[in-house]
Amino acid sequence: QAGGSLRLSCAASGNTLTINVFGW
């Protein structure tokens, strides 16, 4: 409902050492 909250998660796998930026 309006005014409420949610928490999104994003799990990365594979060649994660190459990640520079995470974005939504």
PDBML (XML) file of the C-alpha atoms, coordinates in Angstrom:
<?xml version="1.0" encoding="UTF-8" ?>
<PDBx:datablock datablockName="MODEL"
   xmlns:PDBx="http://pdbml.pdb.org/schema/pdbx-v50.xsd"
   xmlns:xsi="http://www.w3.org/2001/XMLSchema-instance"
   xsi:schemaLocation="http://pdbml.pdb.org/schema/pdbx-v50.xsd pdbx-v50.xsd">
   <PDBx:atom_siteCategory>
      <PDBx:atom_site id="1">
         <PDBx:B_iso_or_equiv>0.00</PDBx:B_iso_or_equiv>
         <PDBx:Cartn_x>0.000</PDBx:Cartn_x>
         <PDBx:Cartn_y>0.000</PDBx:Cartn_y>
         <PDBx:Cartn_z>0.000</PDBx:Cartn_z>
         <PDBx:auth_asym_id>A</PDBx:auth_asym_id>
         <PDBx:auth_atom_id>CA</PDBx:auth_atom_id>
         <PDBx:auth_comp_id>GLN</PDBx:auth_comp_id>
         <PDBx:auth_seq_id>1</PDBx:auth_seq_id>
         <PDBx:group_PDB>ATOM</PDBx:group_PDB>
         <PDBx:label_alt_id xsi:nil="true" />
         <PDBx:label_asym_id>A</PDBx:label_asym_id>
         <PDBx:label_atom_id>CA</PDBx:label_atom_id>
         <PDBx:label_comp_id>GLN</PDBx:label_comp_id>
         <PDBx:label_entity_id>1</PDBx:label_entity_id>
         <PDBx:label_seq_id>1</PDBx:label_seq_id>
         <PDBx:occupancy>1.00</PDBx:occupancy>
         <PDBx:pdbx_PDB_model_num>1</PDBx:pdbx_PDB_model_num>
         <PDBx:type_symbol>C</PDBx:type_symbol>
      </PDBx:atom_site>
      <PDBx:atom_site id="2">
         <PDBx:B_iso_or_equiv>0.00</PDBx:B_iso_or_equiv>
         <PDBx:Cartn_x>1.011</PDBx:Cartn_x>
         <PDBx:Cartn_y>3.610</PDBx:Cartn_y>
         <PDBx:Cartn_z>-0.476</PDBx:Cartn_z>
         <PDBx:auth_asym_id>A</PDBx:auth_asym_id>
         <PDBx:auth_atom_id>CA</PDBx:auth_atom_id>
         <PDBx:auth_comp_id>ALA</PDBx:auth_comp_id>
         <PDBx:auth_seq_id>2</PDBx:auth_seq_id>
         <PDBx:group_PDB>ATOM</PDBx:group_PDB>
         <PDBx:label_alt_id xsi:nil="true" />
         <PDBx:label_asym_id>A</PDBx:label_asym_id>
         <PDBx:label_atom_id>CA</PDBx:label_atom_id>
         <PDBx:label_comp_id>ALA</PDBx:label_comp_id>
         <PDBx:label_entity_id>1</PDBx:label_entity_id>
         <PDBx:label_seq_id>2</PDBx:label_seq_id>
         <PDBx:occupancy>1.00</PDBx:occupancy>
         <PDBx:pdbx_PDB_model_num>1</PDBx:pdbx_PDB_model_num>
         <PDBx:type_symbol>C</PDBx:type_symbol>
      </PDBx:atom_site>
      <PDBx:atom_site id="3">
         <PDBx:B_iso_or_equiv>0.00</PDBx:B_iso_or_equiv>
         <PDBx:Cartn_x>3.309</PDBx:Cartn_x>
         <PDBx:Cartn_y>4.709</PDBx:Cartn_y>
         <PDBx:Cartn_z>2.323</PDBx:Cartn_z>
         <PDBx:auth_asym_id>A</PDBx:auth_asym_id>
         <PDBx:auth_atom_id>CA</PDBx:auth_atom_id>
         <PDBx:auth_comp_id>GLY</PDBx:auth_comp_id>
         <PDBx:auth_seq_id>3</PDBx:auth_seq_id>
         <PDBx:group_PDB>ATOM</PDBx:group_PDB>
         <PDBx:label_alt_id xsi:nil="true" />
         <PDBx:label_asym_id>A</PDBx:label_asym_id>
         <PDBx:label_atom_id>CA</PDBx:label_atom_id>
         <PDBx:label_comp_id>GLY</PDBx:label_comp_id>
         <PDBx:label_entity_id>1</PDBx:label_entity_id>
         <PDBx:label_seq_id>3</PDBx:label_seq_id>
         <PDBx:occupancy>1.00</PDBx:occupancy>
         <PDBx:pdbx_PDB_model_num>1</PDBx:pdbx_PDB_model_num>
         <PDBx:type_symbol>C</PDBx:type_symbol>
      </PDBx:atom_site>
      <PDBx:atom_site id="4">
         <PDBx:B_iso_or_equiv>0.00</PDBx:B_iso_or_equiv>
         <PDBx:Cartn_x>4.641</PDBx:Cartn_x>
         <PDBx:Cartn_y>1.197</PDBx:Cartn_y>
         <PDBx:Cartn_z>2.800</PDBx:Cartn_z>
         <PDBx:auth_asym_id>A</PDBx:auth_asym_id>
         <PDBx:auth_atom_id>CA</PDBx:auth_atom_id>
         <PDBx:auth_comp_id>GLY</PDBx:auth_comp_id>
         <PDBx:auth_seq_id>4</PDBx:auth_seq_id>
         <PDBx:group_PDB>ATOM</PDBx:group_PDB>
         <PDBx:label_alt_id xsi:nil="true" />
         <PDBx:label_asym_id>A</PDBx:label_asym_id>
         <PDBx:label_atom_id>CA</PDBx:label_atom_id>
         <PDBx:label_comp_id>GLY</PDBx:label_comp_id>
         <PDBx:label_entity_id>1</PDBx:label_entity_id>
         <PDBx:label_seq_id>4</PDBx:label_seq_id>
         <PDBx:occupancy>1.00</PDBx:occupancy>
         <PDBx:pdbx_PDB_model_num>1</PDBx:pdbx_PDB_model_num>
         <PDBx:type_symbol>C</PDBx:type_symbol>
      </PDBx:atom_site>
      <PDBx:atom_site id="5">
         <PDBx:B_iso_or_equiv>0.00</PDBx:B_iso_or_equiv>
         <PDBx:Cartn_x>8.101</PDBx:Cartn_x>
         <PDBx:Cartn_y>-0.254</PDBx:Cartn_y>
         <PDBx:Cartn_z>2.349</PDBx:Cartn_z>
         <PDBx:auth_asym_id>A</PDBx:auth_asym_id>
         <PDBx:auth_atom_id>CA</PDBx:auth_atom_id>
         <PDBx:auth_comp_id>SER</PDBx:auth_comp_id>
         <PDBx:auth_seq_id>5</PDBx:auth_seq_id>
         <PDBx:group_PDB>ATOM</PDBx:group_PDB>
         <PDBx:label_alt_id xsi:nil="true" />
         <PDBx:label_asym_id>A</PDBx:label_asym_id>
         <PDBx:label_atom_id>CA</PDBx:label_atom_id>
         <PDBx:label_comp_id>SER</PDBx:label_comp_id>
         <PDBx:label_entity_id>1</PDBx:label_entity_id>
         <PDBx:label_seq_id>5</PDBx:label_seq_id>
         <PDBx:occupancy>1.00</PDBx:occupancy>
         <PDBx:pdbx_PDB_model_num>1</PDBx:pdbx_PDB_model_num>
         <PDBx:type_symbol>C</PDBx:type_symbol>
      </PDBx:atom_site>
      <PDBx:atom_site id="6">
         <PDBx:B_iso_or_equiv>0.00</PDBx:B_iso_or_equiv>
         <PDBx:Cartn_x>9.812</PDBx:Cartn_x>
         <PDBx:Cartn_y>-2.992</PDBx:Cartn_y>
         <PDBx:Cartn_z>0.399</PDBx:Cartn_z>
         <PDBx:auth_asym_id>A</PDBx:auth_asym_id>
         <PDBx:auth_atom_id>CA</PDBx:auth_atom_id>
         <PDBx:auth_comp_id>LEU</PDBx:auth_comp_id>
         <PDBx:auth_seq_id>6</PDBx:auth_seq_id>
         <PDBx:group_PDB>ATOM</PDBx:group_PDB>
         <PDBx:label_alt_id xsi:nil="true" />
         <PDBx:label_asym_id>A</PDBx:label_asym_id>
         <PDBx:label_atom_id>CA</PDBx:label_atom_id>
         <PDBx:label_comp_id>LEU</PDBx:label_comp_id>
         <PDBx:label_entity_id>1</PDBx:label_entity_id>
         <PDBx:label_seq_id>6</PDBx:label_seq_id>
         <PDBx:occupancy>1.00</PDBx:occupancy>
         <PDBx:pdbx_PDB_model_num>1</PDBx:pdbx_PDB_model_num>
         <PDBx:type_symbol>C</PDBx:type_symbol>
      </PDBx:atom_site>
      <PDBx:atom_site id="7">
         <PDBx:B_iso_or_equiv>0.00</PDBx:B_iso_or_equiv>
         <PDBx:Cartn_x>13.373</PDBx:Cartn_x>
         <PDBx:Cartn_y>-4.234</PDBx:Cartn_y>
         <PDBx:Cartn_z>0.249</PDBx:Cartn_z>
         <PDBx:auth_asym_id>A</PDBx:auth_asym_id>
         <PDBx:auth_atom_id>CA</PDBx:auth_atom_id>
         <PDBx:auth_comp_id>ARG</PDBx:auth_comp_id>
         <PDBx:auth_seq_id>7</PDBx:auth_seq_id>
         <PDBx:group_PDB>ATOM</PDBx:group_PDB>
         <PDBx:label_alt_id xsi:nil="true" />
         <PDBx:label_asym_id>A</PDBx:label_asym_id>
         <PDBx:label_atom_id>CA</PDBx:label_atom_id>
         <PDBx:label_comp_id>ARG</PDBx:label_comp_id>
         <PDBx:label_entity_id>1</PDBx:label_entity_id>
         <PDBx:label_seq_id>7</PDBx:label_seq_id>
         <PDBx:occupancy>1.00</PDBx:occupancy>
         <PDBx:pdbx_PDB_model_num>1</PDBx:pdbx_PDB_model_num>
         <PDBx:type_symbol>C</PDBx:type_symbol>
      </PDBx:atom_site>
      <PDBx:atom_site id="8">
         <PDBx:B_iso_or_equiv>0.00</PDBx:B_iso_or_equiv>
         <PDBx:Cartn_x>14.723</PDBx:Cartn_x>
         <PDBx:Cartn_y>-5.552</PDBx:Cartn_y>
         <PDBx:Cartn_z>-3.014</PDBx:Cartn_z>
         <PDBx:auth_asym_id>A</PDBx:auth_asym_id>
         <PDBx:auth_atom_id>CA</PDBx:auth_atom_id>
         <PDBx:auth_comp_id>LEU</PDBx:auth_comp_id>
         <PDBx:auth_seq_id>8</PDBx:auth_seq_id>
         <PDBx:group_PDB>ATOM</PDBx:group_PDB>
         <PDBx:label_alt_id xsi:nil="true" />
         <PDBx:label_asym_id>A</PDBx:label_asym_id>
         <PDBx:label_atom_id>CA</PDBx:label_atom_id>
         <PDBx:label_comp_id>LEU</PDBx:label_comp_id>
         <PDBx:label_entity_id>1</PDBx:label_entity_id>
         <PDBx:label_seq_id>8</PDBx:label_seq_id>
         <PDBx:occupancy>1.00</PDBx:occupancy>
         <PDBx:pdbx_PDB_model_num>1</PDBx:pdbx_PDB_model_num>
         <PDBx:type_symbol>C</PDBx:type_symbol>
      </PDBx:atom_site>
      <PDBx:atom_site id="9">
         <PDBx:B_iso_or_equiv>0.00</PDBx:B_iso_or_equiv>
         <PDBx:Cartn_x>17.754</PDBx:Cartn_x>
         <PDBx:Cartn_y>-7.823</PDBx:Cartn_y>
         <PDBx:Cartn_z>-3.201</PDBx:Cartn_z>
         <PDBx:auth_asym_id>A</PDBx:auth_asym_id>
         <PDBx:auth_atom_id>CA</PDBx:auth_atom_id>
         <PDBx:auth_comp_id>SER</PDBx:auth_comp_id>
         <PDBx:auth_seq_id>9</PDBx:auth_seq_id>
         <PDBx:group_PDB>ATOM</PDBx:group_PDB>
         <PDBx:label_alt_id xsi:nil="true" />
         <PDBx:label_asym_id>A</PDBx:label_asym_id>
         <PDBx:label_atom_id>CA</PDBx:label_atom_id>
         <PDBx:label_comp_id>SER</PDBx:label_comp_id>
         <PDBx:label_entity_id>1</PDBx:label_entity_id>
         <PDBx:label_seq_id>9</PDBx:label_seq_id>
         <PDBx:occupancy>1.00</PDBx:occupancy>
         <PDBx:pdbx_PDB_model_num>1</PDBx:pdbx_PDB_model_num>
         <PDBx:type_symbol>C</PDBx:type_symbol>
      </PDBx:atom_site>
      <PDBx:atom_site id="10">
         <PDBx:B_iso_or_equiv>0.00</PDBx:B_iso_or_equiv>
         <PDBx:Cartn_x>20.007</PDBx:Cartn_x>
         <PDBx:Cartn_y>-8.649</PDBx:Cartn_y>
         <PDBx:Cartn_z>-6.110</PDBx:Cartn_z>
         <PDBx:auth_asym_id>A</PDBx:auth_asym_id>
         <PDBx:auth_atom_id>CA</PDBx:auth_atom_id>
         <PDBx:auth_comp_id>CYS</PDBx:auth_comp_id>
         <PDBx:auth_seq_id>10</PDBx:auth_seq_id>
         <PDBx:group_PDB>ATOM</PDBx:group_PDB>
         <PDBx:label_alt_id xsi:nil="true" />
         <PDBx:label_asym_id>A</PDBx:label_asym_id>
         <PDBx:label_atom_id>CA</PDBx:label_atom_id>
         <PDBx:label_comp_id>CYS</PDBx:label_comp_id>
         <PDBx:label_entity_id>1</PDBx:label_entity_id>
         <PDBx:label_seq_id>10</PDBx:label_seq_id>
         <PDBx:occupancy>1.00</PDBx:occupancy>
         <PDBx:pdbx_PDB_model_num>1</PDBx:pdbx_PDB_model_num>
         <PDBx:type_symbol>C</PDBx:type_symbol>
      </PDBx:atom_site>
      <PDBx:atom_site id="11">
         <PDBx:B_iso_or_equiv>0.00</PDBx:B_iso_or_equiv>
         <PDBx:Cartn_x>22.429</PDBx:Cartn_x>
         <PDBx:Cartn_y>-11.535</PDBx:Cartn_y>
         <PDBx:Cartn_z>-5.805</PDBx:Cartn_z>
         <PDBx:auth_asym_id>A</PDBx:auth_asym_id>
         <PDBx:auth_atom_id>CA</PDBx:auth_atom_id>
         <PDBx:auth_comp_id>ALA</PDBx:auth_comp_id>
         <PDBx:auth_seq_id>11</PDBx:auth_seq_id>
         <PDBx:group_PDB>ATOM</PDBx:group_PDB>
         <PDBx:label_alt_id xsi:nil="true" />
         <PDBx:label_asym_id>A</PDBx:label_asym_id>
         <PDBx:label_atom_id>CA</PDBx:label_atom_id>
         <PDBx:label_comp_id>ALA</PDBx:label_comp_id>
         <PDBx:label_entity_id>1</PDBx:label_entity_id>
         <PDBx:label_seq_id>11</PDBx:label_seq_id>
         <PDBx:occupancy>1.00</PDBx:occupancy>
         <PDBx:pdbx_PDB_model_num>1</PDBx:pdbx_PDB_model_num>
         <PDBx:type_symbol>C</PDBx:type_symbol>
      </PDBx:atom_site>
      <PDBx:atom_site id="12">
         <PDBx:B_iso_or_equiv>0.00</PDBx:B_iso_or_equiv>
         <PDBx:Cartn_x>25.323</PDBx:Cartn_x>
         <PDBx:Cartn_y>-11.653</PDBx:Cartn_y>
         <PDBx:Cartn_z>-8.241</PDBx:Cartn_z>
         <PDBx:auth_asym_id>A</PDBx:auth_asym_id>
         <PDBx:auth_atom_id>CA</PDBx:auth_atom_id>
         <PDBx:auth_comp_id>ALA</PDBx:auth_comp_id>
         <PDBx:auth_seq_id>12</PDBx:auth_seq_id>
         <PDBx:group_PDB>ATOM</PDBx:group_PDB>
         <PDBx:label_alt_id xsi:nil="true" />
         <PDBx:label_asym_id>A</PDBx:label_asym_id>
         <PDBx:label_atom_id>CA</PDBx:label_atom_id>
         <PDBx:label_comp_id>ALA</PDBx:label_comp_id>
         <PDBx:label_entity_id>1</PDBx:label_entity_id>
         <PDBx:label_seq_id>12</PDBx:label_seq_id>
         <PDBx:occupancy>1.00</PDBx:occupancy>
         <PDBx:pdbx_PDB_model_num>1</PDBx:pdbx_PDB_model_num>
         <PDBx:type_symbol>C</PDBx:type_symbol>
      </PDBx:atom_site>
      <PDBx:atom_site id="13">
         <PDBx:B_iso_or_equiv>0.00</PDBx:B_iso_or_equiv>
         <PDBx:Cartn_x>27.241</PDBx:Cartn_x>
         <PDBx:Cartn_y>-14.776</PDBx:Cartn_y>
         <PDBx:Cartn_z>-9.167</PDBx:Cartn_z>
         <PDBx:auth_asym_id>A</PDBx:auth_asym_id>
         <PDBx:auth_atom_id>CA</PDBx:auth_atom_id>
         <PDBx:auth_comp_id>SER</PDBx:auth_comp_id>
         <PDBx:auth_seq_id>13</PDBx:auth_seq_id>
         <PDBx:group_PDB>ATOM</PDBx:group_PDB>
         <PDBx:label_alt_id xsi:nil="true" />
         <PDBx:label_asym_id>A</PDBx:label_asym_id>
         <PDBx:label_atom_id>CA</PDBx:label_atom_id>
         <PDBx:label_comp_id>SER</PDBx:label_comp_id>
         <PDBx:label_entity_id>1</PDBx:label_entity_id>
         <PDBx:label_seq_id>13</PDBx:label_seq_id>
         <PDBx:occupancy>1.00</PDBx:occupancy>
         <PDBx:pdbx_PDB_model_num>1</PDBx:pdbx_PDB_model_num>
         <PDBx:type_symbol>C</PDBx:type_symbol>
      </PDBx:atom_site>
      <PDBx:atom_site id="14">
         <PDBx:B_iso_or_equiv>0.00</PDBx:B_iso_or_equiv>
         <PDBx:Cartn_x>29.896</PDBx:Cartn_x>
         <PDBx:Cartn_y>-15.704</PDBx:Cartn_y>
         <PDBx:Cartn_z>-11.654</PDBx:Cartn_z>
         <PDBx:auth_asym_id>A</PDBx:auth_asym_id>
         <PDBx:auth_atom_id>CA</PDBx:auth_atom_id>
         <PDBx:auth_comp_id>GLY</PDBx:auth_comp_id>
         <PDBx:auth_seq_id>14</PDBx:auth_seq_id>
         <PDBx:group_PDB>ATOM</PDBx:group_PDB>
         <PDBx:label_alt_id xsi:nil="true" />
         <PDBx:label_asym_id>A</PDBx:label_asym_id>
         <PDBx:label_atom_id>CA</PDBx:label_atom_id>
         <PDBx:label_comp_id>GLY</PDBx:label_comp_id>
         <PDBx:label_entity_id>1</PDBx:label_entity_id>
         <PDBx:label_seq_id>14</PDBx:label_seq_id>
         <PDBx:occupancy>1.00</PDBx:occupancy>
         <PDBx:pdbx_PDB_model_num>1</PDBx:pdbx_PDB_model_num>
         <PDBx:type_symbol>C</PDBx:type_symbol>
      </PDBx:atom_site>
      <PDBx:atom_site id="15">
         <PDBx:B_iso_or_equiv>0.00</PDBx:B_iso_or_equiv>
         <PDBx:Cartn_x>32.759</PDBx:Cartn_x>
         <PDBx:Cartn_y>-13.313</PDBx:Cartn_y>
         <PDBx:Cartn_z>-12.330</PDBx:Cartn_z>
         <PDBx:auth_asym_id>A</PDBx:auth_asym_id>
         <PDBx:auth_atom_id>CA</PDBx:auth_atom_id>
         <PDBx:auth_comp_id>ASN</PDBx:auth_comp_id>
         <PDBx:auth_seq_id>15</PDBx:auth_seq_id>
         <PDBx:group_PDB>ATOM</PDBx:group_PDB>
         <PDBx:label_alt_id xsi:nil="true" />
         <PDBx:label_asym_id>A</PDBx:label_asym_id>
         <PDBx:label_atom_id>CA</PDBx:label_atom_id>
         <PDBx:label_comp_id>ASN</PDBx:label_comp_id>
         <PDBx:label_entity_id>1</PDBx:label_entity_id>
         <PDBx:label_seq_id>15</PDBx:label_seq_id>
         <PDBx:occupancy>1.00</PDBx:occupancy>
         <PDBx:pdbx_PDB_model_num>1</PDBx:pdbx_PDB_model_num>
         <PDBx:type_symbol>C</PDBx:type_symbol>
      </PDBx:atom_site>
      <PDBx:atom_site id="16">
         <PDBx:B_iso_or_equiv>0.00</PDBx:B_iso_or_equiv>
         <PDBx:Cartn_x>31.838</PDBx:Cartn_x>
         <PDBx:Cartn_y>-10.888</PDBx:Cartn_y>
         <PDBx:Cartn_z>-9.536</PDBx:Cartn_z>
         <PDBx:auth_asym_id>A</PDBx:auth_asym_id>
         <PDBx:auth_atom_id>CA</PDBx:auth_atom_id>
         <PDBx:auth_comp_id>THR</PDBx:auth_comp_id>
         <PDBx:auth_seq_id>16</PDBx:auth_seq_id>
         <PDBx:group_PDB>ATOM</PDBx:group_PDB>
         <PDBx:label_alt_id xsi:nil="true" />
         <PDBx:label_asym_id>A</PDBx:label_asym_id>
         <PDBx:label_atom_id>CA</PDBx:label_atom_id>
         <PDBx:label_comp_id>THR</PDBx:label_comp_id>
         <PDBx:label_entity_id>1</PDBx:label_entity_id>
         <PDBx:label_seq_id>16</PDBx:label_seq_id>
         <PDBx:occupancy>1.00</PDBx:occupancy>
         <PDBx:pdbx_PDB_model_num>1</PDBx:pdbx_PDB_model_num>
         <PDBx:type_symbol>C</PDBx:type_symbol>
      </PDBx:atom_site>
      <PDBx:atom_site id="17">
         <PDBx:B_iso_or_equiv>0.00</PDBx:B_iso_or_equiv>
         <PDBx:Cartn_x>35.371</PDBx:Cartn_x>
         <PDBx:Cartn_y>-9.545</PDBx:Cartn_y>
         <PDBx:Cartn_z>-9.129</PDBx:Cartn_z>
         <PDBx:auth_asym_id>A</PDBx:auth_asym_id>
         <PDBx:auth_atom_id>CA</PDBx:auth_atom_id>
         <PDBx:auth_comp_id>LEU</PDBx:auth_comp_id>
         <PDBx:auth_seq_id>17</PDBx:auth_seq_id>
         <PDBx:group_PDB>ATOM</PDBx:group_PDB>
         <PDBx:label_alt_id xsi:nil="true" />
         <PDBx:label_asym_id>A</PDBx:label_asym_id>
         <PDBx:label_atom_id>CA</PDBx:label_atom_id>
         <PDBx:label_comp_id>LEU</PDBx:label_comp_id>
         <PDBx:label_entity_id>1</PDBx:label_entity_id>
         <PDBx:label_seq_id>17</PDBx:label_seq_id>
         <PDBx:occupancy>1.00</PDBx:occupancy>
         <PDBx:pdbx_PDB_model_num>1</PDBx:pdbx_PDB_model_num>
         <PDBx:type_symbol>C</PDBx:type_symbol>
      </PDBx:atom_site>
      <PDBx:atom_site id="18">
         <PDBx:B_iso_or_equiv>0.00</PDBx:B_iso_or_equiv>
         <PDBx:Cartn_x>34.860</PDBx:Cartn_x>
         <PDBx:Cartn_y>-7.697</PDBx:Cartn_y>
         <PDBx:Cartn_z>-12.404</PDBx:Cartn_z>
         <PDBx:auth_asym_id>A</PDBx:auth_asym_id>
         <PDBx:auth_atom_id>CA</PDBx:auth_atom_id>
         <PDBx:auth_comp_id>THR</PDBx:auth_comp_id>
         <PDBx:auth_seq_id>18</PDBx:auth_seq_id>
         <PDBx:group_PDB>ATOM</PDBx:group_PDB>
         <PDBx:label_alt_id xsi:nil="true" />
         <PDBx:label_asym_id>A</PDBx:label_asym_id>
         <PDBx:label_atom_id>CA</PDBx:label_atom_id>
         <PDBx:label_comp_id>THR</PDBx:label_comp_id>
         <PDBx:label_entity_id>1</PDBx:label_entity_id>
         <PDBx:label_seq_id>18</PDBx:label_seq_id>
         <PDBx:occupancy>1.00</PDBx:occupancy>
         <PDBx:pdbx_PDB_model_num>1</PDBx:pdbx_PDB_model_num>
         <PDBx:type_symbol>C</PDBx:type_symbol>
      </PDBx:atom_site>
      <PDBx:atom_site id="19">
         <PDBx:B_iso_or_equiv>0.00</PDBx:B_iso_or_equiv>
         <PDBx:Cartn_x>31.907</PDBx:Cartn_x>
         <PDBx:Cartn_y>-5.693</PDBx:Cartn_y>
         <PDBx:Cartn_z>-11.098</PDBx:Cartn_z>
         <PDBx:auth_asym_id>A</PDBx:auth_asym_id>
         <PDBx:auth_atom_id>CA</PDBx:auth_atom_id>
         <PDBx:auth_comp_id>ILE</PDBx:auth_comp_id>
         <PDBx:auth_seq_id>19</PDBx:auth_seq_id>
         <PDBx:group_PDB>ATOM</PDBx:group_PDB>
         <PDBx:label_alt_id xsi:nil="true" />
         <PDBx:label_asym_id>A</PDBx:label_asym_id>
         <PDBx:label_atom_id>CA</PDBx:label_atom_id>
         <PDBx:label_comp_id>ILE</PDBx:label_comp_id>
         <PDBx:label_entity_id>1</PDBx:label_entity_id>
         <PDBx:label_seq_id>19</PDBx:label_seq_id>
         <PDBx:occupancy>1.00</PDBx:occupancy>
         <PDBx:pdbx_PDB_model_num>1</PDBx:pdbx_PDB_model_num>
         <PDBx:type_symbol>C</PDBx:type_symbol>
      </PDBx:atom_site>
      <PDBx:atom_site id="20">
         <PDBx:B_iso_or_equiv>0.00</PDBx:B_iso_or_equiv>
         <PDBx:Cartn_x>32.484</PDBx:Cartn_x>
         <PDBx:Cartn_y>-1.950</PDBx:Cartn_y>
         <PDBx:Cartn_z>-10.902</PDBx:Cartn_z>
         <PDBx:auth_asym_id>A</PDBx:auth_asym_id>
         <PDBx:auth_atom_id>CA</PDBx:auth_atom_id>
         <PDBx:auth_comp_id>ASN</PDBx:auth_comp_id>
         <PDBx:auth_seq_id>20</PDBx:auth_seq_id>
         <PDBx:group_PDB>ATOM</PDBx:group_PDB>
         <PDBx:label_alt_id xsi:nil="true" />
         <PDBx:label_asym_id>A</PDBx:label_asym_id>
         <PDBx:label_atom_id>CA</PDBx:label_atom_id>
         <PDBx:label_comp_id>ASN</PDBx:label_comp_id>
         <PDBx:label_entity_id>1</PDBx:label_entity_id>
         <PDBx:label_seq_id>20</PDBx:label_seq_id>
         <PDBx:occupancy>1.00</PDBx:occupancy>
         <PDBx:pdbx_PDB_model_num>1</PDBx:pdbx_PDB_model_num>
         <PDBx:type_symbol>C</PDBx:type_symbol>
      </PDBx:atom_site>
      <PDBx:atom_site id="21">
         <PDBx:B_iso_or_equiv>0.00</PDBx:B_iso_or_equiv>
         <PDBx:Cartn_x>28.969</PDBx:Cartn_x>
         <PDBx:Cartn_y>-0.568</PDBx:Cartn_y>
         <PDBx:Cartn_z>-10.445</PDBx:Cartn_z>
         <PDBx:auth_asym_id>A</PDBx:auth_asym_id>
         <PDBx:auth_atom_id>CA</PDBx:auth_atom_id>
         <PDBx:auth_comp_id>VAL</PDBx:auth_comp_id>
         <PDBx:auth_seq_id>21</PDBx:auth_seq_id>
         <PDBx:group_PDB>ATOM</PDBx:group_PDB>
         <PDBx:label_alt_id xsi:nil="true" />
         <PDBx:label_asym_id>A</PDBx:label_asym_id>
         <PDBx:label_atom_id>CA</PDBx:label_atom_id>
         <PDBx:label_comp_id>VAL</PDBx:label_comp_id>
         <PDBx:label_entity_id>1</PDBx:label_entity_id>
         <PDBx:label_seq_id>21</PDBx:label_seq_id>
         <PDBx:occupancy>1.00</PDBx:occupancy>
         <PDBx:pdbx_PDB_model_num>1</PDBx:pdbx_PDB_model_num>
         <PDBx:type_symbol>C</PDBx:type_symbol>
      </PDBx:atom_site>
      <PDBx:atom_site id="22">
         <PDBx:B_iso_or_equiv>0.00</PDBx:B_iso_or_equiv>
         <PDBx:Cartn_x>25.733</PDBx:Cartn_x>
         <PDBx:Cartn_y>-2.042</PDBx:Cartn_y>
         <PDBx:Cartn_z>-9.161</PDBx:Cartn_z>
         <PDBx:auth_asym_id>A</PDBx:auth_asym_id>
         <PDBx:auth_atom_id>CA</PDBx:auth_atom_id>
         <PDBx:auth_comp_id>PHE</PDBx:auth_comp_id>
         <PDBx:auth_seq_id>22</PDBx:auth_seq_id>
         <PDBx:group_PDB>ATOM</PDBx:group_PDB>
         <PDBx:label_alt_id xsi:nil="true" />
         <PDBx:label_asym_id>A</PDBx:label_asym_id>
         <PDBx:label_atom_id>CA</PDBx:label_atom_id>
         <PDBx:label_comp_id>PHE</PDBx:label_comp_id>
         <PDBx:label_entity_id>1</PDBx:label_entity_id>
         <PDBx:label_seq_id>22</PDBx:label_seq_id>
         <PDBx:occupancy>1.00</PDBx:occupancy>
         <PDBx:pdbx_PDB_model_num>1</PDBx:pdbx_PDB_model_num>
         <PDBx:type_symbol>C</PDBx:type_symbol>
      </PDBx:atom_site>
      <PDBx:atom_site id="23">
         <PDBx:B_iso_or_equiv>0.00</PDBx:B_iso_or_equiv>
         <PDBx:Cartn_x>22.567</PDBx:Cartn_x>
         <PDBx:Cartn_y>-0.288</PDBx:Cartn_y>
         <PDBx:Cartn_z>-10.189</PDBx:Cartn_z>
         <PDBx:auth_asym_id>A</PDBx:auth_asym_id>
         <PDBx:auth_atom_id>CA</PDBx:auth_atom_id>
         <PDBx:auth_comp_id>GLY</PDBx:auth_comp_id>
         <PDBx:auth_seq_id>23</PDBx:auth_seq_id>
         <PDBx:group_PDB>ATOM</PDBx:group_PDB>
         <PDBx:label_alt_id xsi:nil="true" />
         <PDBx:label_asym_id>A</PDBx:label_asym_id>
         <PDBx:label_atom_id>CA</PDBx:label_atom_id>
         <PDBx:label_comp_id>GLY</PDBx:label_comp_id>
         <PDBx:label_entity_id>1</PDBx:label_entity_id>
         <PDBx:label_seq_id>23</PDBx:label_seq_id>
         <PDBx:occupancy>1.00</PDBx:occupancy>
         <PDBx:pdbx_PDB_model_num>1</PDBx:pdbx_PDB_model_num>
         <PDBx:type_symbol>C</PDBx:type_symbol>
      </PDBx:atom_site>
      <PDBx:atom_site id="24">
         <PDBx:B_iso_or_equiv>0.00</PDBx:B_iso_or_equiv>
         <PDBx:Cartn_x>18.808</PDBx:Cartn_x>
         <PDBx:Cartn_y>-0.453</PDBx:Cartn_y>
         <PDBx:Cartn_z>-9.843</PDBx:Cartn_z>
         <PDBx:auth_asym_id>A</PDBx:auth_asym_id>
         <PDBx:auth_atom_id>CA</PDBx:auth_atom_id>
         <PDBx:auth_comp_id>TRP</PDBx:auth_comp_id>
         <PDBx:auth_seq_id>24</PDBx:auth_seq_id>
         <PDBx:group_PDB>ATOM</PDBx:group_PDB>
         <PDBx:label_alt_id xsi:nil="true" />
         <PDBx:label_asym_id>A</PDBx:label_asym_id>
         <PDBx:label_atom_id>CA</PDBx:label_atom_id>
         <PDBx:label_comp_id>TRP</PDBx:label_comp_id>
         <PDBx:label_entity_id>1</PDBx:label_entity_id>
         <PDBx:label_seq_id>24</PDBx:label_seq_id>
         <PDBx:occupancy>1.00</PDBx:occupancy>
         <PDBx:pdbx_PDB_model_num>1</PDBx:pdbx_PDB_model_num>
         <PDBx:type_symbol>C</PDBx:type_symbol>
      </PDBx:atom_site>
   </PDBx:atom_siteCategory>
</PDBx:datablock>
